[in-house]
Amino acid sequence: MSVRKNLSPAESRAIEEKLPQLDFVMSAVLRLSPDLISVKFSPDSSIPVASICLRDAVDVLCDVKFALFEAFAHKVWFENYEAESKRWVGIHFARFFADDAALRL
């Protein structure tokens, strides 16, 4: 079975431009340490738990972005660089990663 090789930098950039940019969200949420937040609230507050959930949500968004990148990358690779007879492999992997992204959401 064929595996995807590295795409050119231009192809990778074109895919990256289609995906959501999470840098701002990641930097904002990663600065909010659940440990530091929990100190400022009472033990029965739901805010510390919510801060952990927010951090987990950002982690999942990053996983979804990775899966979507891989789905597009497999599609591009197998359409452009593999023989026609192996395109089904690209379709299989693209669908696998797209399904993974959907299931994570």
N, C-alpha and C. Protein backbone atom coordinates (compact mmCIF):
# COMPACT_ATOMS: atom_id res chain seq x y z
N MET A 1 0.84 -1.18 0.00
CA MET A 1 0.00 0.00 0.00
C MET A 1 0.89 1.24 0.00
N SER A 2 0.50 2.21 -0.74
CA SER A 2 1.25 3.47 -0.80
C SER A 2 0.92 4.35 0.39
N VAL A 3 1.90 5.11 0.80
CA VAL A 3 1.68 6.09 1.87
C VAL A 3 1.98 7.47 1.32
N ARG A 4 1.39 8.44 1.96
CA ARG A 4 1.59 9.82 1.51
C ARG A 4 2.99 10.29 1.87
N LYS A 5 3.63 10.94 0.93
CA LYS A 5 4.93 11.56 1.18
C LYS A 5 4.70 13.03 1.51
N ASN A 6 5.78 13.75 1.77
CA ASN A 6 5.67 15.18 2.09
C ASN A 6 5.23 15.97 0.86
N LEU A 7 4.35 16.92 1.12
CA LEU A 7 3.90 17.82 0.06
C LEU A 7 4.91 18.95 -0.08
N SER A 8 4.83 19.65 -1.18
CA SER A 8 5.69 20.82 -1.34
C SER A 8 5.25 21.90 -0.36
N PRO A 9 6.15 22.83 -0.02
CA PRO A 9 5.75 23.92 0.88
C PRO A 9 4.55 24.72 0.36
N ALA A 10 4.47 24.92 -0.94
CA ALA A 10 3.34 25.66 -1.50
C ALA A 10 2.03 24.90 -1.32
N GLU A 11 2.07 23.58 -1.52
CA GLU A 11 0.87 22.77 -1.33
C GLU A 11 0.44 22.76 0.14
N SER A 12 1.42 22.65 1.03
CA SER A 12 1.10 22.67 2.47
C SER A 12 0.49 24.01 2.88
N ARG A 13 1.05 25.11 2.37
CA ARG A 13 0.51 26.44 2.68
C ARG A 13 -0.91 26.59 2.15
N ALA A 14 -1.17 26.08 0.95
CA ALA A 14 -2.51 26.18 0.36
C ALA A 14 -3.53 25.44 1.22
N ILE A 15 -3.15 24.29 1.74
CA ILE A 15 -4.05 23.54 2.63
C ILE A 15 -4.22 24.30 3.93
N GLU A 16 -3.13 24.77 4.49
CA GLU A 16 -3.17 25.49 5.78
C GLU A 16 -4.08 26.71 5.70
N GLU A 17 -4.11 27.38 4.55
CA GLU A 17 -4.96 28.55 4.39
C GLU A 17 -6.45 28.21 4.41
N LYS A 18 -6.80 26.97 4.09
CA LYS A 18 -8.19 26.54 4.11
C LYS A 18 -8.69 26.23 5.52
N LEU A 19 -7.77 26.03 6.43
CA LEU A 19 -8.11 25.58 7.78
C LEU A 19 -8.22 26.76 8.74
N PRO A 20 -8.97 26.57 9.83
CA PRO A 20 -9.06 27.65 10.81
C PRO A 20 -7.71 27.94 11.46
N GLN A 21 -7.46 29.19 11.73
CA GLN A 21 -6.23 29.59 12.40
C GLN A 21 -6.49 29.62 13.90
N LEU A 22 -5.79 28.79 14.64
CA LEU A 22 -6.06 28.62 16.06
C LEU A 22 -5.00 29.25 16.95
N ASP A 23 -4.03 29.93 16.38
CA ASP A 23 -2.93 30.48 17.19
C ASP A 23 -3.43 31.41 18.29
N PHE A 24 -4.33 32.32 17.95
CA PHE A 24 -4.82 33.27 18.95
C PHE A 24 -5.59 32.54 20.06
N VAL A 25 -6.44 31.63 19.67
CA VAL A 25 -7.24 30.87 20.66
C VAL A 25 -6.31 30.06 21.56
N MET A 26 -5.34 29.39 20.94
CA MET A 26 -4.42 28.58 21.73
C MET A 26 -3.62 29.42 22.72
N SER A 27 -3.09 30.53 22.26
CA SER A 27 -2.28 31.35 23.16
C SER A 27 -3.12 31.95 24.28
N ALA A 28 -4.36 32.32 23.97
CA ALA A 28 -5.23 32.89 25.00
C ALA A 28 -5.60 31.85 26.05
N VAL A 29 -5.95 30.66 25.62
CA VAL A 29 -6.40 29.63 26.56
C VAL A 29 -5.23 29.01 27.32
N LEU A 30 -4.10 28.84 26.67
CA LEU A 30 -2.96 28.22 27.35
C LEU A 30 -2.41 29.10 28.48
N ARG A 31 -2.65 30.41 28.39
CA ARG A 31 -2.23 31.30 29.47
C ARG A 31 -3.12 31.15 30.70
N LEU A 32 -4.31 30.64 30.52
CA LEU A 32 -5.25 30.47 31.63
C LEU A 32 -5.02 29.11 32.29
N SER A 33 -4.14 29.06 33.21
CA SER A 33 -3.83 27.81 33.90
C SER A 33 -5.00 27.42 34.81
N PRO A 34 -5.54 26.22 34.65
CA PRO A 34 -6.63 25.78 35.55
C PRO A 34 -6.23 25.82 37.02
N ASP A 35 -4.97 25.56 37.33
CA ASP A 35 -4.52 25.61 38.73
C ASP A 35 -4.60 27.02 39.29
N LEU A 36 -4.16 27.99 38.51
CA LEU A 36 -4.22 29.38 38.98
C LEU A 36 -5.65 29.89 39.07
N ILE A 37 -6.48 29.48 38.14
CA ILE A 37 -7.88 29.91 38.16
C ILE A 37 -8.60 29.34 39.38
N SER A 38 -8.33 28.09 39.71
CA SER A 38 -9.06 27.44 40.81
C SER A 38 -8.76 28.08 42.16
N VAL A 39 -7.60 28.70 42.30
CA VAL A 39 -7.24 29.34 43.56
C VAL A 39 -8.17 30.51 43.87
N LYS A 40 -8.65 31.18 42.84
CA LYS A 40 -9.44 32.40 43.03
C LYS A 40 -10.92 32.14 43.26
N PHE A 41 -11.35 30.87 43.19
CA PHE A 41 -12.76 30.56 43.36
C PHE A 41 -12.98 29.60 44.51
N SER A 42 -14.19 29.58 45.02
CA SER A 42 -14.51 28.70 46.13
C SER A 42 -14.50 27.24 45.66
N PRO A 43 -14.35 26.31 46.60
CA PRO A 43 -14.28 24.89 46.23
C PRO A 43 -15.54 24.38 45.51
N ASP A 44 -16.69 24.99 45.77
CA ASP A 44 -17.91 24.52 45.12
C ASP A 44 -18.21 25.24 43.79
N SER A 45 -17.31 26.08 43.34
CA SER A 45 -17.50 26.80 42.08
C SER A 45 -17.28 25.87 40.89
N SER A 46 -18.01 26.11 39.82
CA SER A 46 -17.85 25.32 38.60
C SER A 46 -16.82 25.94 37.64
N ILE A 47 -16.30 27.10 37.97
CA ILE A 47 -15.34 27.78 37.11
C ILE A 47 -14.05 26.97 36.90
N PRO A 48 -13.46 26.38 37.95
CA PRO A 48 -12.25 25.58 37.70
C PRO A 48 -12.49 24.40 36.75
N VAL A 49 -13.63 23.77 36.90
CA VAL A 49 -13.96 22.66 35.99
C VAL A 49 -14.15 23.18 34.57
N ALA A 50 -14.80 24.33 34.45
CA ALA A 50 -15.01 24.93 33.13
C ALA A 50 -13.67 25.29 32.46
N SER A 51 -12.71 25.73 33.26
CA SER A 51 -11.40 26.07 32.68
C SER A 51 -10.70 24.84 32.13
N ILE A 52 -10.86 23.71 32.79
CA ILE A 52 -10.28 22.46 32.29
C ILE A 52 -11.00 22.04 31.01
N CYS A 53 -12.31 22.19 30.99
CA CYS A 53 -13.09 21.85 29.79
C CYS A 53 -12.70 22.73 28.61
N LEU A 54 -12.45 24.00 28.87
CA LEU A 54 -12.02 24.91 27.81
C LEU A 54 -10.68 24.48 27.24
N ARG A 55 -9.78 24.12 28.11
CA ARG A 55 -8.46 23.64 27.67
C ARG A 55 -8.60 22.37 26.83
N ASP A 56 -9.45 21.45 27.28
CA ASP A 56 -9.69 20.23 26.52
C ASP A 56 -10.31 20.54 25.16
N ALA A 57 -11.22 21.51 25.11
CA ALA A 57 -11.85 21.88 23.85
C ALA A 57 -10.82 22.41 22.85
N VAL A 58 -9.88 23.20 23.33
CA VAL A 58 -8.83 23.72 22.44
C VAL A 58 -7.94 22.58 21.95
N ASP A 59 -7.64 21.63 22.83
CA ASP A 59 -6.85 20.46 22.41
C ASP A 59 -7.57 19.69 21.31
N VAL A 60 -8.87 19.50 21.46
CA VAL A 60 -9.64 18.78 20.45
C VAL A 60 -9.68 19.57 19.14
N LEU A 61 -9.81 20.90 19.22
CA LEU A 61 -9.78 21.72 18.01
C LEU A 61 -8.46 21.55 17.26
N CYS A 62 -7.37 21.47 17.99
CA CYS A 62 -6.06 21.26 17.36
C CYS A 62 -6.01 19.88 16.70
N ASP A 63 -6.57 18.86 17.36
CA ASP A 63 -6.63 17.53 16.77
C ASP A 63 -7.48 17.52 15.50
N VAL A 64 -8.58 18.24 15.53
CA VAL A 64 -9.47 18.33 14.36
C VAL A 64 -8.75 19.03 13.22
N LYS A 65 -8.03 20.08 13.52
CA LYS A 65 -7.29 20.79 12.48
C LYS A 65 -6.24 19.87 11.85
N PHE A 66 -5.55 19.10 12.66
CA PHE A 66 -4.56 18.15 12.15
C PHE A 66 -5.23 17.11 11.25
N ALA A 67 -6.36 16.57 11.70
CA ALA A 67 -7.06 15.56 10.90
C ALA A 67 -7.53 16.14 9.57
N LEU A 68 -8.03 17.37 9.58
CA LEU A 68 -8.46 18.00 8.33
C LEU A 68 -7.28 18.25 7.40
N PHE A 69 -6.15 18.66 7.97
CA PHE A 69 -4.96 18.86 7.15
C PHE A 69 -4.58 17.55 6.46
N GLU A 70 -4.58 16.47 7.23
CA GLU A 70 -4.22 15.16 6.67
C GLU A 70 -5.21 14.71 5.61
N ALA A 71 -6.48 14.99 5.82
CA ALA A 71 -7.49 14.62 4.81
C ALA A 71 -7.19 15.34 3.48
N PHE A 72 -6.97 16.65 3.55
CA PHE A 72 -6.63 17.41 2.35
C PHE A 72 -5.30 16.96 1.75
N ALA A 73 -4.32 16.70 2.60
CA ALA A 73 -2.99 16.31 2.12
C ALA A 73 -3.04 14.97 1.38
N HIS A 74 -3.78 14.03 1.92
CA HIS A 74 -3.91 12.74 1.22
C HIS A 74 -4.62 12.91 -0.11
N LYS A 75 -5.63 13.73 -0.13
CA LYS A 75 -6.36 13.98 -1.38
C LYS A 75 -5.41 14.58 -2.42
N VAL A 76 -4.65 15.60 -2.04
CA VAL A 76 -3.72 16.26 -2.97
C VAL A 76 -2.64 15.28 -3.43
N TRP A 77 -2.05 14.55 -2.49
CA TRP A 77 -0.95 13.66 -2.84
C TRP A 77 -1.40 12.59 -3.83
N PHE A 78 -2.49 11.92 -3.50
CA PHE A 78 -2.89 10.81 -4.35
C PHE A 78 -3.50 11.26 -5.68
N GLU A 79 -4.04 12.48 -5.74
CA GLU A 79 -4.53 12.99 -7.02
C GLU A 79 -3.38 13.43 -7.93
N ASN A 80 -2.32 13.96 -7.33
CA ASN A 80 -1.24 14.55 -8.13
C ASN A 80 -0.02 13.68 -8.35
N TYR A 81 0.25 12.75 -7.42
CA TYR A 81 1.53 12.05 -7.48
C TYR A 81 1.44 10.53 -7.61
N GLU A 82 0.27 9.98 -7.45
CA GLU A 82 0.15 8.53 -7.54
C GLU A 82 -0.54 8.12 -8.83
N ALA A 83 -0.32 6.87 -9.19
CA ALA A 83 -0.96 6.34 -10.39
C ALA A 83 -2.47 6.28 -10.19
N GLU A 84 -3.17 6.34 -11.29
CA GLU A 84 -4.64 6.33 -11.25
C GLU A 84 -5.17 5.12 -10.47
N SER A 85 -4.48 3.99 -10.58
CA SER A 85 -4.94 2.77 -9.92
C SER A 85 -4.85 2.85 -8.40
N LYS A 86 -4.07 3.79 -7.87
CA LYS A 86 -3.91 3.90 -6.42
C LYS A 86 -4.71 5.05 -5.83
N ARG A 87 -5.50 5.72 -6.61
CA ARG A 87 -6.25 6.87 -6.09
C ARG A 87 -7.26 6.46 -5.03
N TRP A 88 -7.72 5.23 -5.07
CA TRP A 88 -8.67 4.76 -4.05
C TRP A 88 -8.03 4.80 -2.67
N VAL A 89 -6.71 4.62 -2.60
CA VAL A 89 -6.02 4.69 -1.31
C VAL A 89 -6.11 6.11 -0.75
N GLY A 90 -5.89 7.09 -1.60
CA GLY A 90 -6.02 8.49 -1.17
C GLY A 90 -7.42 8.82 -0.72
N ILE A 91 -8.40 8.31 -1.45
CA ILE A 91 -9.79 8.54 -1.06
C ILE A 91 -10.07 7.90 0.30
N HIS A 92 -9.56 6.70 0.48
CA HIS A 92 -9.76 6.00 1.76
C HIS A 92 -9.16 6.80 2.93
N PHE A 93 -7.92 7.23 2.79
CA PHE A 93 -7.28 7.97 3.87
C PHE A 93 -7.90 9.35 4.08
N ALA A 94 -8.26 10.02 2.99
CA ALA A 94 -8.91 11.33 3.12
C ALA A 94 -10.22 11.17 3.89
N ARG A 95 -10.97 10.16 3.56
CA ARG A 95 -12.24 9.93 4.27
C ARG A 95 -11.99 9.54 5.72
N PHE A 96 -10.96 8.72 5.96
CA PHE A 96 -10.63 8.32 7.33
C PHE A 96 -10.37 9.55 8.20
N PHE A 97 -9.53 10.46 7.70
CA PHE A 97 -9.19 11.64 8.49
C PHE A 97 -10.36 12.61 8.60
N ALA A 98 -11.15 12.73 7.56
CA ALA A 98 -12.34 13.59 7.62
C ALA A 98 -13.34 13.03 8.64
N ASP A 99 -13.53 11.72 8.63
CA ASP A 99 -14.40 11.08 9.63
C ASP A 99 -13.87 11.30 11.04
N ASP A 100 -12.56 11.18 11.19
CA ASP A 100 -11.95 11.40 12.51
C ASP A 100 -12.24 12.81 13.00
N ALA A 101 -12.09 13.78 12.12
CA ALA A 101 -12.36 15.18 12.50
C ALA A 101 -13.81 15.35 12.93
N ALA A 102 -14.72 14.78 12.15
CA ALA A 102 -16.15 14.90 12.47
C ALA A 102 -16.49 14.23 13.79
N LEU A 103 -15.93 13.06 14.04
CA LEU A 103 -16.22 12.35 15.28
C LEU A 103 -15.65 13.06 16.51
N ARG A 104 -14.52 13.72 16.34
CA ARG A 104 -13.97 14.46 17.47
C ARG A 104 -14.83 15.65 17.85
N LEU A 105 -15.47 16.26 16.84
CA LEU A 105 -16.34 17.40 17.14
C LEU A 105 -17.60 16.92 17.80
